[in-house]
PDB file of N, CA and C in Angstrom:
ATOM      1  N   MET A   1       0.672  -1.029  -0.304  1.00  0.00           N
ATOM      2  CA  MET A   1       0.062   0.081   0.149  1.00  0.00           C
ATOM      3  C   MET A   1       0.914   1.515   0.173  1.00  0.00           C
ATOM      4  N   GLY A   2       2.408   1.253   0.288  1.00  0.00           N
ATOM      5  CA  GLY A   2       2.809   2.172  -0.068  1.00  0.00           C
ATOM      6  C   GLY A   2       2.910   3.171   1.457  1.00  0.00           C
ATOM      7  N   GLY A   3       4.222   3.692   1.067  1.00  0.00           N
ATOM      8  CA  GLY A   3       4.717   4.771   1.969  1.00  0.00           C
ATOM      9  C   GLY A   3       3.437   5.474   2.943  1.00  0.00           C
ATOM     10  N   GLU A   4       3.780   6.320   4.548  1.00  0.00           N
ATOM     11  CA  GLU A   4       2.655   6.398   5.108  1.00  0.00           C
ATOM     12  C   GLU A   4       2.477   8.189   4.535  1.00  0.00           C
ATOM     13  N   THR A   5       0.664   9.135   4.886  1.00  0.00           N
ATOM     14  CA  THR A   5       1.242  10.196   3.957  1.00  0.00           C
ATOM     15  C   THR A   5       0.662  11.313   5.582  1.00  0.00           C
ATOM     16  N   ALA A   6       1.321  11.883   5.364  1.00  0.00           N
ATOM     17  CA  ALA A   6       0.700  12.865   7.181  1.00  0.00           C
ATOM     18  C   ALA A   6      -0.052  13.885   6.507  1.00  0.00           C
ATOM     19  N   ILE A   7      -1.509  14.045   7.416  1.00  0.00           N
ATOM     20  CA  ILE A   7      -2.136  14.765   7.124  1.00  0.00           C
ATOM     21  C   ILE A   7      -1.951  15.647   7.851  1.00  0.00           C
ATOM     22  N   ASN A   8      -1.678  17.146   7.140  1.00  0.00           N
ATOM     23  CA  ASN A   8      -1.388  18.097   7.910  1.00  0.00           C
ATOM     24  C   ASN A   8      -1.286  19.391   7.600  1.00  0.00           C
ATOM     25  N   THR A   9      -3.575  19.877   7.466  1.00  0.00           N
ATOM     26  CA  THR A   9      -3.536  20.847   6.598  1.00  0.00           C
ATOM     27  C   THR A   9      -4.520  21.482   7.653  1.00  0.00           C
ATOM     28  N   ASP A  10      -5.109  23.193   6.874  1.00  0.00           N
ATOM     29  CA  ASP A  10      -5.548  23.806   7.724  1.00  0.00           C
ATOM     30  C   ASP A  10      -6.755  22.810   7.941  1.00  0.00           C
ATOM     31  N   ALA A  11      -7.390  22.255   6.453  1.00  0.00           N
ATOM     32  CA  ALA A  11      -8.714  21.918   6.432  1.00  0.00           C
ATOM     33  C   ALA A  11      -8.677  20.752   7.489  1.00  0.00           C
ATOM     34  N   ALA A  12      -7.588  19.744   7.861  1.00  0.00           N
ATOM     35  CA  ALA A  12      -7.850  18.491   8.250  1.00  0.00           C
ATOM     36  C   ALA A  12      -7.852  19.063  10.366  1.00  0.00           C
ATOM     37  N   ASN A  13      -6.774  20.150  10.316  1.00  0.00           N
ATOM     38  CA  ASN A  13      -6.306  19.790  11.454  1.00  0.00           C
ATOM     39  C   ASN A  13      -8.005  20.931  12.759  1.00  0.00           C
ATOM     40  N   LEU A  14      -8.972  21.649  11.517  1.00  0.00           N
ATOM     41  CA  LEU A  14      -9.866  22.301  11.832  1.00  0.00           C
ATOM     42  C   LEU A  14     -11.237  21.294  12.119  1.00  0.00           C
ATOM     43  N   ARG A  15     -10.963  19.923  11.226  1.00  0.00           N
ATOM     44  CA  ARG A  15     -12.203  19.084  11.461  1.00  0.00           C
ATOM     45  C   ARG A  15     -11.649  18.482  12.535  1.00  0.00           C
ATOM     46  N   THR A  16     -10.765  18.283  13.205  1.00  0.00           N
ATOM     47  CA  THR A  16     -10.325  17.828  14.525  1.00  0.00           C
ATOM     48  C   THR A  16     -10.610  18.139  15.438  1.00  0.00           C
ATOM     49  N   ASP A  17     -10.166  19.945  15.054  1.00  0.00           N
ATOM     50  CA  ASP A  17     -10.627  20.397  16.036  1.00  0.00           C
ATOM     51  C   ASP A  17     -12.376  20.924  16.915  1.00  0.00           C
ATOM     52  N   LEU A  18     -12.644  20.685  15.725  1.00  0.00           N
ATOM     53  CA  LEU A  18     -14.461  20.866  15.922  1.00  0.00           C
ATOM     54  C   LEU A  18     -14.773  19.590  16.207  1.00  0.00           C
ATOM     55  N   ASP A  19     -14.277  18.645  15.553  1.00  0.00           N
ATOM     56  CA  ASP A  19     -14.739  17.080  16.308  1.00  0.00           C
ATOM     57  C   ASP A  19     -14.840  17.366  17.883  1.00  0.00           C
ATOM     58  N   TYR A  20     -13.401  17.615  18.358  1.00  0.00           N
ATOM     59  CA  TYR A  20     -13.047  17.496  19.537  1.00  0.00           C
ATOM     60  C   TYR A  20     -13.854  18.171  20.359  1.00  0.00           C
ATOM     61  N   LEU A  21     -14.143  19.507  19.744  1.00  0.00           N
ATOM     62  CA  LEU A  21     -15.165  20.869  20.681  1.00  0.00           C
ATOM     63  C   LEU A  21     -16.431  20.735  20.680  1.00  0.00           C
ATOM     64  N   LEU A  22     -16.721  20.090  19.472  1.00  0.00           N
ATOM     65  CA  LEU A  22     -17.928  19.666  19.545  1.00  0.00           C
ATOM     66  C   LEU A  22     -18.804  18.465  20.438  1.00  0.00           C
ATOM     67  N   GLY A  23     -17.984  17.301  20.233  1.00  0.00           N
ATOM     68  CA  GLY A  23     -18.137  16.447  21.434  1.00  0.00           C
ATOM     69  C   GLY A  23     -17.860  16.996  22.953  1.00  0.00           C
ATOM     70  N   GLU A  24     -17.010  18.100  23.226  1.00  0.00           N
ATOM     71  CA  GLU A  24     -17.732  18.621  24.374  1.00  0.00           C
ATOM     72  C   GLU A  24     -18.720  19.611  24.593  1.00  0.00           C
ATOM     73  N   HIS A  25     -18.570  19.934  23.488  1.00  0.00           N
ATOM     74  CA  HIS A  25     -20.399  21.031  23.934  1.00  0.00           C
ATOM     75  C   HIS A  25     -20.905  20.149  24.156  1.00  0.00           C
ATOM     76  N   LEU A  26     -21.252  19.033  24.077  1.00  0.00           N
ATOM     77  CA  LEU A  26     -22.426  17.844  23.775  1.00  0.00           C
ATOM     78  C   LEU A  26     -22.396  17.449  25.449  1.00  0.00           C
ATOM     79  N   ILE A  27     -21.177  16.930  25.967  1.00  0.00           N
ATOM     80  CA  ILE A  27     -21.209  16.457  27.345  1.00  0.00           C
ATOM     81  C   ILE A  27     -21.343  17.681  28.163  1.00  0.00           C
ATOM     82  N   LEU A  28     -20.602  18.524  27.997  1.00  0.00           N
ATOM     83  CA  LEU A  28     -21.395  19.862  28.776  1.00  0.00           C
ATOM     84  C   LEU A  28     -22.643  20.264  28.553  1.00  0.00           C
ATOM     85  N   ALA A  29     -23.350  20.302  27.529  1.00  0.00           N
ATOM     86  CA  ALA A  29     -24.617  20.613  27.426  1.00  0.00           C
ATOM     87  C   ALA A  29     -25.279  19.341  28.264  1.00  0.00           C
ATOM     88  N   ALA A  30     -25.329  18.527  28.156  1.00  0.00           N
ATOM     89  CA  ALA A  30     -25.820  16.940  29.199  1.00  0.00           C
ATOM     90  C   ALA A  30     -25.768  17.429  30.150  1.00  0.00           C
ATOM     91  N   LYS A  31     -24.391  17.981  30.543  1.00  0.00           N
ATOM     92  CA  LYS A  31     -23.973  17.547  32.589  1.00  0.00           C
ATOM     93  C   LYS A  31     -24.995  18.887  32.945  1.00  0.00           C
ATOM     94  N   ALA A  32     -25.070  20.461  31.805  1.00  0.00           N
ATOM     95  CA  ALA A  32     -25.742  21.310  32.161  1.00  0.00           C
ATOM     96  C   ALA A  32     -27.402  20.623  32.534  1.00  0.00           C
ATOM     97  N   THR A  33     -27.946  20.595  31.765  1.00  0.00           N
ATOM     98  CA  THR A  33     -29.058  19.938  31.469  1.00  0.00           C
ATOM     99  C   THR A  33     -29.940  19.238  32.947  1.00  0.00           C
ATOM    100  N   GLY A  34     -28.447  18.226  33.425  1.00  0.00           N
ATOM    101  CA  GLY A  34     -28.824  17.324  33.912  1.00  0.00           C
ATOM    102  C   GLY A  34     -28.867  18.055  35.546  1.00  0.00           C
ATOM    103  N   ALA A  35     -28.186  19.280  35.115  1.00  0.00           N
ATOM    104  CA  ALA A  35     -27.814  19.970  37.271  1.00  0.00           C
ATOM    105  C   ALA A  35     -28.689  20.834  37.302  1.00  0.00           C
ATOM    106  N   ALA A  36     -29.758  21.261  35.457  1.00  0.00           N
ATOM    107  CA  ALA A  36     -31.069  22.192  36.388  1.00  0.00           C
ATOM    108  C   ALA A  36     -31.724  21.262  36.230  1.00  0.00           C
ATOM    109  N   LEU A  37     -32.060  20.429  36.074  1.00  0.00           N
ATOM    110  CA  LEU A  37     -33.424  19.598  35.795  1.00  0.00           C
ATOM    111  C   LEU A  37     -33.491  19.068  37.216  1.00  0.00           C
ATOM    112  N   ASP A  38     -32.261  18.393  38.180  1.00  0.00           N
ATOM    113  CA  ASP A  38     -32.465  18.308  39.309  1.00  0.00           C
ATOM    114  C   ASP A  38     -31.852  19.411  40.482  1.00  0.00           C
ATOM    115  N   GLY A  39     -31.995  20.521  39.789  1.00  0.00           N
ATOM    116  CA  GLY A  39     -32.397  21.684  41.356  1.00  0.00           C
ATOM    117  C   GLY A  39     -30.603  22.314  41.250  1.00  0.00           C
ATOM    118  N   ARG A  40     -29.554  21.681  40.926  1.00  0.00           N
ATOM    119  CA  ARG A  40     -28.333  21.848  41.242  1.00  0.00           C
ATOM    120  C   ARG A  40     -28.046  23.127  40.747  1.00  0.00           C
ATOM    121  N   SER A  41     -28.081  24.299  41.013  1.00  0.00           N
ATOM    122  CA  SER A  41     -28.625  25.683  40.360  1.00  0.00           C
ATOM    123  C   SER A  41     -26.597  25.815  40.727  1.00  0.00           C
ATOM    124  N   GLU A  42     -25.978  26.114  41.221  1.00  0.00           N
ATOM    125  CA  GLU A  42     -24.410  26.230  41.181  1.00  0.00           C
ATOM    126  C   GLU A  42     -23.767  25.256  40.103  1.00  0.00           C
ATOM    127  N   GLU A  43     -24.269  24.349  39.924  1.00  0.00           N
ATOM    128  CA  GLU A  43     -23.501  23.569  39.155  1.00  0.00           C
ATOM    129  C   GLU A  43     -23.713  23.592  37.680  1.00  0.00           C
ATOM    130  N   PHE A  44     -24.826  24.306  37.689  1.00  0.00           N
ATOM    131  CA  PHE A  44     -25.939  24.501  36.305  1.00  0.00           C
ATOM    132  C   PHE A  44     -24.970  25.776  35.782  1.00  0.00           C
ATOM    133  N   GLU A  45     -24.512  26.793  36.618  1.00  0.00           N
ATOM    134  CA  GLU A  45     -24.028  27.596  36.523  1.00  0.00           C
ATOM    135  C   GLU A  45     -22.468  27.596  35.837  1.00  0.00           C
ATOM    136  N   ALA A  46     -22.162  27.013  36.792  1.00  0.00           N
ATOM    137  CA  ALA A  46     -20.586  26.654  36.406  1.00  0.00           C
ATOM    138  C   ALA A  46     -20.665  25.905  34.949  1.00  0.00           C
ATOM    139  N   TYR A  47     -21.477  25.112  34.443  1.00  0.00           N
ATOM    140  CA  TYR A  47     -20.925  24.752  33.212  1.00  0.00           C
ATOM    141  C   TYR A  47     -21.695  25.025  32.484  1.00  0.00           C
ATOM    142  N   GLY A  48     -22.276  26.265  32.264  1.00  0.00           N
ATOM    143  CA  GLY A  48     -22.808  27.158  31.684  1.00  0.00           C
ATOM    144  C   GLY A  48     -21.517  27.919  31.065  1.00  0.00           C
ATOM    145  N   GLY A  49     -20.787  28.535  32.539  1.00  0.00           N
ATOM    146  CA  GLY A  49     -19.321  29.269  32.328  1.00  0.00           C
ATOM    147  C   GLY A  49     -18.435  28.595  31.018  1.00  0.00           C
ATOM    148  N   LEU A  50     -18.527  26.949  31.572  1.00  0.00           N
ATOM    149  CA  LEU A  50     -17.819  25.894  30.584  1.00  0.00           C
ATOM    150  C   LEU A  50     -18.136  25.890  29.070  1.00  0.00           C
ATOM    151  N   LEU A  51     -19.867  26.390  29.430  1.00  0.00           N
ATOM    152  CA  LEU A  51     -20.310  26.080  27.716  1.00  0.00           C
ATOM    153  C   LEU A  51     -19.994  26.899  27.298  1.00  0.00           C
ATOM    154  N   ASN A  52     -19.839  28.729  27.504  1.00  0.00           N
ATOM    155  CA  ASN A  52     -18.969  29.570  26.780  1.00  0.00           C
ATOM    156  C   ASN A  52     -17.706  30.039  26.493  1.00  0.00           C
ATOM    157  N   THR A  53     -17.033  28.973  27.355  1.00  0.00           N
ATOM    158  CA  THR A  53     -15.767  29.003  26.935  1.00  0.00           C
ATOM    159  C   THR A  53     -15.608  27.895  25.801  1.00  0.00           C
ATOM    160  N   ASN A  54     -16.225  26.814  25.617  1.00  0.00           N
ATOM    161  CA  ASN A  54     -16.136  26.068  24.967  1.00  0.00           C
ATOM    162  C   ASN A  54     -16.642  26.559  23.319  1.00  0.00           C
ATOM    163  N   GLY A  55     -17.716  27.836  23.759  1.00  0.00           N
ATOM    164  CA  GLY A  55     -18.217  28.597  22.198  1.00  0.00           C
ATOM    165  C   GLY A  55     -17.225  29.240  21.870  1.00  0.00           C
ATOM    166  N   THR A  56     -16.576  30.104  22.620  1.00  0.00           N
ATOM    167  CA  THR A  56     -15.370  30.885  22.115  1.00  0.00           C
ATOM    168  C   THR A  56     -14.338  30.406  21.883  1.00  0.00           C
ATOM    169  N   ASP A  57     -13.842  28.800  22.626  1.00  0.00           N
ATOM    170  CA  ASP A  57     -13.021  27.796  21.564  1.00  0.00           C
ATOM    171  C   ASP A  57     -13.292  27.715  19.788  1.00  0.00           C
ATOM    172  N   LEU A  58     -14.742  27.392  19.912  1.00  0.00           N
ATOM    173  CA  LEU A  58     -14.986  26.812  18.299  1.00  0.00           C
ATOM    174  C   LEU A  58     -14.888  28.062  17.591  1.00  0.00           C
ATOM    175  N   GLY A  59     -15.154  29.027  18.598  1.00  0.00           N
ATOM    176  CA  GLY A  59     -15.018  30.619  17.287  1.00  0.00           C
ATOM    177  C   GLY A  59     -13.625  30.564  17.318  1.00  0.00           C
ATOM    178  N   GLY A  60     -12.689  30.477  17.819  1.00  0.00           N
ATOM    179  CA  GLY A  60     -11.196  30.566  17.913  1.00  0.00           C
ATOM    180  C   GLY A  60     -10.704  29.338  16.125  1.00  0.00           C
ATOM    181  N   ALA A  61     -11.570  28.538  16.374  1.00  0.00           N
ATOM    182  CA  ALA A  61     -11.426  27.738  15.360  1.00  0.00           C
ATOM    183  C   ALA A  61     -11.698  27.975  14.433  1.00  0.00           C
ATOM    184  N   ILE A  62     -12.781  28.246  14.132  1.00  0.00           N
ATOM    185  CA  ILE A  62     -13.159  29.008  12.735  1.00  0.00           C
ATOM    186  C   ILE A  62     -12.748  30.324  12.455  1.00  0.00           C
ATOM    187  N   GLY A  63     -12.149  31.010  13.280  1.00  0.00           N
ATOM    188  CA  GLY A  63     -11.658  32.232  13.116  1.00  0.00           C
ATOM    189  C   GLY A  63      -9.755  31.464  12.577  1.00  0.00           C
ATOM    190  N   SER A  64      -9.425  30.825  12.979  1.00  0.00           N
ATOM    191  CA  SER A  64      -8.304  30.442  12.638  1.00  0.00           C
ATOM    192  C   SER A  64      -7.810  30.142  11.010  1.00  0.00           C
ATOM    193  N   VAL A  65      -9.478  29.970  10.416  1.00  0.00           N
ATOM    194  CA  VAL A  65      -9.109  29.374   8.862  1.00  0.00           C
ATOM    195  C   VAL A  65      -9.780  30.769   8.470  1.00  0.00           C
ATOM    196  N   TYR A  66     -11.228  30.707   8.952  1.00  0.00           N
ATOM    197  CA  TYR A  66     -11.535  32.065   7.651  1.00  0.00           C
ATOM    198  C   TYR A  66     -11.492  33.384   8.532  1.00  0.00           C
ATOM    199  N   GLY A  67     -11.029  33.655   9.279  1.00  0.00           N
ATOM    200  CA  GLY A  67     -10.642  35.110   9.883  1.00  0.00           C
ATOM    201  C   GLY A  67     -11.550  35.184  11.160  1.00  0.00           C
ATOM    202  N   ALA A  68     -11.221  36.503  11.460  1.00  0.00           N
ATOM    203  CA  ALA A  68     -11.452  37.406  12.188  1.00  0.00           C
ATOM    204  C   ALA A  68     -13.353  37.567  12.347  1.00  0.00           C
ATOM    205  N   GLU A  69     -13.077  37.725  11.469  1.00  0.00           N
ATOM    206  CA  GLU A  69     -14.338  38.411  11.099  1.00  0.00           C
ATOM    207  C   GLU A  69     -15.438  36.802  11.210  1.00  0.00           C
ATOM    208  N   ALA A  70     -15.497  35.789  10.869  1.00  0.00           N
ATOM    209  CA  ALA A  70     -16.382  34.674  10.549  1.00  0.00           C
ATOM    210  C   ALA A  70     -16.382  34.389  11.952  1.00  0.00           C
ATOM    211  N   GLU A  71     -14.716  34.343  13.148  1.00  0.00           N
ATOM    212  CA  GLU A  71     -14.732  34.213  14.704  1.00  0.00           C
ATOM    213  C   GLU A  71     -15.911  35.173  15.542  1.00  0.00           C
ATOM    214  N   ASP A  72     -15.905  36.045  14.854  1.00  0.00           N
ATOM    215  CA  ASP A  72     -17.020  36.886  15.565  1.00  0.00           C
ATOM    216  C   ASP A  72     -18.320  37.001  15.584  1.00  0.00           C
ATOM    217  N   GLU A  73     -18.500  36.313  14.389  1.00  0.00           N
ATOM    218  CA  GLU A  73     -19.959  36.206  14.152  1.00  0.00           C
ATOM    219  C   GLU A  73     -20.966  34.859  14.656  1.00  0.00           C
ATOM    220  N   TRP A  74     -19.546  33.815  14.706  1.00  0.00           N
ATOM    221  CA  TRP A  74     -19.589  32.319  15.235  1.00  0.00           C
ATOM    222  C   TRP A  74     -19.742  32.666  16.866  1.00  0.00           C
ATOM    223  N   ASN A  75     -19.190  33.792  16.968  1.00  0.00           N
ATOM    224  CA  ASN A  75     -19.934  33.608  19.029  1.00  0.00           C
ATOM    225  C   ASN A  75     -20.701  34.485  19.075  1.00  0.00           C
ATOM    226  N   ARG A  76     -21.209  35.430  18.276  1.00  0.00           N
ATOM    227  CA  ARG A  76     -22.397  35.944  18.407  1.00  0.00           C
ATOM    228  C   ARG A  76     -23.728  35.132  17.999  1.00  0.00           C
ATOM    229  N   ILE A  77     -23.179  34.119  17.246  1.00  0.00           N
ATOM    230  CA  ILE A  77     -24.972  33.029  16.992  1.00  0.00           C
ATOM    231  C   ILE A  77     -24.908  32.175  18.369  1.00  0.00           C
ATOM    232  N   TRP A  78     -23.587  31.644  18.428  1.00  0.00           N
ATOM    233  CA  TRP A  78     -23.769  30.594  19.267  1.00  0.00           C
ATOM    234  C   TRP A  78     -23.771  30.708  20.570  1.00  0.00           C
ATOM    235  N   SER A  79     -23.178  31.775  21.334  1.00  0.00           N
ATOM    236  CA  SER A  79     -23.576  32.731  22.124  1.00  0.00           C
ATOM    237  C   SER A  79     -24.808  32.680  22.610  1.00  0.00           C
ATOM    238  N   ALA A  80     -25.843  33.238  21.459  1.00  0.00           N
ATOM    239  CA  ALA A  80     -27.357  33.539  21.695  1.00  0.00           C
ATOM    240  C   ALA A  80     -28.126  32.038  21.585  1.00  0.00           C
ATOM    241  N   HIS A  81     -27.445  30.816  20.894  1.00  0.00           N
ATOM    242  CA  HIS A  81     -28.024  29.558  20.914  1.00  0.00           C
ATOM    243  C   HIS A  81     -27.762  29.348  22.509  1.00  0.00           C
ATOM    244  N   ASN A  82     -26.488  29.214  23.016  1.00  0.00           N
ATOM    245  CA  ASN A  82     -25.966  28.677  24.464  1.00  0.00           C
ATOM    246  C   ASN A  82     -27.386  29.297  25.108  1.00  0.00           C
ATOM    247  N   GLY A  83     -27.831  30.461  25.172  1.00  0.00           N
ATOM    248  CA  GLY A  83     -28.587  31.760  25.659  1.00  0.00           C
ATOM    249  C   GLY A  83     -29.970  31.072  25.698  1.00  0.00           C
ATOM    250  N   PHE A  84     -30.599  30.568  24.673  1.00  0.00           N
ATOM    251  CA  PHE A  84     -31.703  30.045  24.280  1.00  0.00           C
ATOM    252  C   PHE A  84     -31.984  28.611  24.970  1.00  0.00           C
ATOM    253  N   PHE A  85     -30.920  27.534  24.988  1.00  0.00           N
ATOM    254  CA  PHE A  85     -30.712  26.784  25.506  1.00  0.00           C
ATOM    255  C   PHE A  85     -30.995  26.803  26.693  1.00  0.00           C
ATOM    256  N   VAL A  86     -30.550  27.649  27.662  1.00  0.00           N
ATOM    257  CA  VAL A  86     -30.465  28.205  28.981  1.00  0.00           C
ATOM    258  C   VAL A  86     -31.845  28.116  29.120  1.00  0.00           C
ATOM    259  N   ASP A  87     -32.112  29.267  28.601  1.00  0.00           N
ATOM    260  CA  ASP A  87     -33.965  29.832  28.771  1.00  0.00           C
ATOM    261  C   ASP A  87     -34.631  28.434  28.512  1.00  0.00           C
ATOM    262  N   TYR A  88     -34.526  27.593  28.197  1.00  0.00           N
ATOM    263  CA  TYR A  88     -35.257  26.032  27.554  1.00  0.00           C
ATOM    264  C   TYR A  88     -35.421  25.420  28.556  1.00  0.00           C
ATOM    265  N   THR A  89     -33.867  24.997  29.361  1.00  0.00           N
ATOM    266  CA  THR A  89     -33.959  24.421  30.075  1.00  0.00           C
ATOM    267  C   THR A  89     -34.145  24.644  31.422  1.00  0.00           C
ATOM    268  N   THR A  90     -34.005  25.873  31.707  1.00  0.00           N
ATOM    269  CA  THR A  90     -34.288  26.687  33.039  1.00  0.00           C
ATOM    270  C   THR A  90     -35.671  26.731  33.353  1.00  0.00           C
ATOM    271  N   GLY A  91     -37.000  26.718  32.046  1.00  0.00           N
ATOM    272  CA  GLY A  91     -38.077  27.025  31.774  1.00  0.00           C
ATOM    273  C   GLY A  91     -38.893  25.535  32.311  1.00  0.00           C
ATOM    274  N   VAL A  92     -37.971  24.198  31.346  1.00  0.00           N
ATOM    275  CA  VAL A  92     -38.522  23.226  31.742  1.00  0.00           C
ATOM    276  C   VAL A  92     -38.238  22.815  32.886  1.00  0.00           C
ATOM    277  N   ALA A  93     -37.398  23.338  34.192  1.00  0.00           N
ATOM    278  CA  ALA A  93     -36.750  22.715  35.283  1.00  0.00           C
ATOM    279  C   ALA A  93     -37.817  23.484  36.152  1.00  0.00           C
ATOM    280  N   THR A  94     -38.500  24.873  36.023  1.00  0.00           N
ATOM    281  CA  THR A  94     -38.646  25.344  36.332  1.00  0.00           C
ATOM    282  C   THR A  94     -40.426  25.452  36.572  1.00  0.00           C
ATOM    283  N   ASP A  95     -40.835  24.484  35.233  1.00  0.00           N
ATOM    284  CA  ASP A  95     -42.508  24.311  35.282  1.00  0.00           C
ATOM    285  C   ASP A  95     -43.106  25.929  34.649  1.00  0.00           C
ATOM    286  N   ASP A  96     -42.001  26.889  34.134  1.00  0.00           N
ATOM    287  CA  ASP A  96     -42.119  28.171  33.527  1.00  0.00           C
ATOM    288  C   ASP A  96     -42.607  27.680  31.840  1.00  0.00           C
ATOM    289  N   THR A  97     -43.716  27.592  31.486  1.00  0.00           N
ATOM    290  CA  THR A  97     -43.802  26.885  30.018  1.00  0.00           C
ATOM    291  C   THR A  97     -43.629  27.993  28.965  1.00  0.00           C
ATOM    292  N   GLU A  98     -43.559  29.237  29.705  1.00  0.00           N
ATOM    293  CA  GLU A  98     -43.679  30.373  28.849  1.00  0.00           C
ATOM    294  C   GLU A  98     -42.537  30.503  28.471  1.00  0.00           C
ATOM    295  N   LEU A  99     -41.432  30.532  29.256  1.00  0.00           N
ATOM    296  CA  LEU A  99     -40.014  30.795  29.253  1.00  0.00           C
ATOM    297  C   LEU A  99     -39.495  29.664  28.361  1.00  0.00           C
ATOM    298  N   ALA A 100     -39.917  28.331  28.436  1.00  0.00           N
ATOM    299  CA  ALA A 100     -39.688  27.471  27.616  1.00  0.00           C
ATOM    300  C   ALA A 100     -40.228  27.450  26.276  1.00  0.00           C
ATOM    301  N   ASP A 101     -41.385  27.683  26.010  1.00  0.00           N
ATOM    302  CA  ASP A 101     -41.528  28.286  24.795  1.00  0.00           C
ATOM    303  C   ASP A 101     -41.349  29.210  24.138  1.00  0.00           C
ATOM    304  N   GLY A 102     -40.746  30.473  24.587  1.00  0.00           N
ATOM    305  CA  GLY A 102     -40.166  31.432  24.246  1.00  0.00           C
ATOM    306  C   GLY A 102     -38.930  30.944  23.926  1.00  0.00           C
ATOM    307  N   ALA A 103     -38.321  29.817  24.510  1.00  0.00           N
ATOM    308  CA  ALA A 103     -36.494  29.845  24.202  1.00  0.00           C
ATOM    309  C   ALA A 103     -37.010  28.763  22.535  1.00  0.00           C
ATOM    310  N   VAL A 104     -37.587  27.907  22.849  1.00  0.00           N
ATOM    311  CA  VAL A 104     -38.252  26.855  21.450  1.00  0.00           C
ATOM    312  C   VAL A 104     -38.692  28.100  20.460  1.00  0.00           C
ATOM    313  N   GLU A 105     -39.341  28.998  20.540  1.00  0.00           N
ATOM    314  CA  GLU A 105     -39.899  30.176  19.444  1.00  0.00           C
ATOM    315  C   GLU A 105     -38.250  31.039  19.220  1.00  0.00           C
ATOM    316  N   ASP A 106     -37.300  31.564  20.097  1.00  0.00           N
ATOM    317  CA  ASP A 106     -35.929  32.019  19.762  1.00  0.00           C
ATOM    318  C   ASP A 106     -34.976  31.161  18.801  1.00  0.00           C
ATOM    319  N   LEU A 107     -35.155  29.417  19.443  1.00  0.00           N
ATOM    320  CA  LEU A 107     -34.848  29.145  17.937  1.00  0.00           C
ATOM    321  C   LEU A 107     -34.925  28.497  17.190  1.00  0.00           C
ATOM    322  N   THR A 108     -35.932  28.759  16.766  1.00  0.00           N
ATOM    323  CA  THR A 108     -36.569  28.441  15.748  1.00  0.00           C
ATOM    324  C   THR A 108     -36.375  29.696  14.712  1.00  0.00           C
ATOM    325  N   THR A 109     -36.629  30.834  14.959  1.00  0.00           N
ATOM    326  CA  THR A 109     -36.788  31.880  14.448  1.00  0.00           C
ATOM    327  C   THR A 109     -36.123  33.008  14.362  1.00  0.00           C
ATOM    328  N   ILE A 110     -34.933  32.675  15.078  1.00  0.00           N
ATOM    329  CA  ILE A 110     -33.525  33.344  15.839  1.00  0.00           C
ATOM    330  C   ILE A 110     -32.397  32.424  15.219  1.00  0.00           C
ATOM    331  N   TYR A 111     -31.988  31.617  15.772  1.00  0.00           N
ATOM    332  CA  TYR A 111     -30.690  30.692  15.612  1.00  0.00           C
ATOM    333  C   TYR A 111     -30.888  30.016  14.376  1.00  0.00           C
ATOM    334  N   VAL A 112     -31.755  29.059  13.886  1.00  0.00           N
ATOM    335  CA  VAL A 112     -31.744  28.182  13.123  1.00  0.00           C
ATOM    336  C   VAL A 112     -31.287  29.180  11.155  1.00  0.00           C
ATOM    337  N   PRO A 113     -32.618  30.143  11.653  1.00  0.00           N
ATOM    338  CA  PRO A 113     -31.883  31.115  10.116  1.00  0.00           C
ATOM    339  C   PRO A 113     -30.607  31.618  10.461  1.00  0.00           C
ATOM    340  N   GLU A 114     -30.318  32.388  11.506  1.00  0.00           N
ATOM    341  CA  GLU A 114     -28.751  32.931  11.601  1.00  0.00           C
ATOM    342  C   GLU A 114     -27.600  32.113  11.575  1.00  0.00           C
ATOM    343  N   PHE A 115     -27.906  30.441  12.127  1.00  0.00           N
ATOM    344  CA  PHE A 115     -27.032  29.438  12.062  1.00  0.00           C
ATOM    345  C   PHE A 115     -26.621  29.252  10.315  1.00  0.00           C
ATOM    346  N   SER A 116     -27.828  28.722   9.615  1.00  0.00           N
ATOM    347  CA  SER A 116     -28.180  28.286   8.632  1.00  0.00           C
ATOM    348  C   SER A 116     -27.464  29.611   7.493  1.00  0.00           C
ATOM    349  N   ALA A 117     -27.629  30.115   7.337  1.00  0.00           N
ATOM    350  CA  ALA A 117     -26.593  31.933   6.682  1.00  0.00           C
ATOM    351  C   ALA A 117     -25.025  31.739   7.259  1.00  0.00           C
ATOM    352  N   PHE A 118     -25.075  31.263   7.953  1.00  0.00           N
ATOM    353  CA  PHE A 118     -23.490  31.733   8.881  1.00  0.00           C
ATOM    354  C   PHE A 118     -22.874  30.794   7.571  1.00  0.00           C
ATOM    355  N   LEU A 119     -23.467  29.120   7.498  1.00  0.00           N
ATOM    356  CA  LEU A 119     -22.726  28.195   7.274  1.00  0.00           C
ATOM    357  C   LEU A 119     -22.907  28.413   5.495  1.00  0.00           C
TER     358      LEU A 119
END
């Protein structure tokens, strides 16, 4: 099959970074949701901070290839999406259907179109 080929391109590095960071996002979001639903508010807030850091790390990965403008736009959209999910989770955890329904509306009418346009 021949010799080994090293894959060290910006595209390959971005894909690896995004795989790692999106996996981390999934785990942090699941842990934050569990904390909220179990009423562990301090833990929920701590995971929220970690999710914010993870989001800007994702933005940095995007920016490393597509530039500062793309990074800033990613951070704006992703931060809003995290906020909408926090609102939804808080609404579910506290039986506040108005908050939860508003978050679903924001995710559907704000986040999805903005994220789709970004991609």
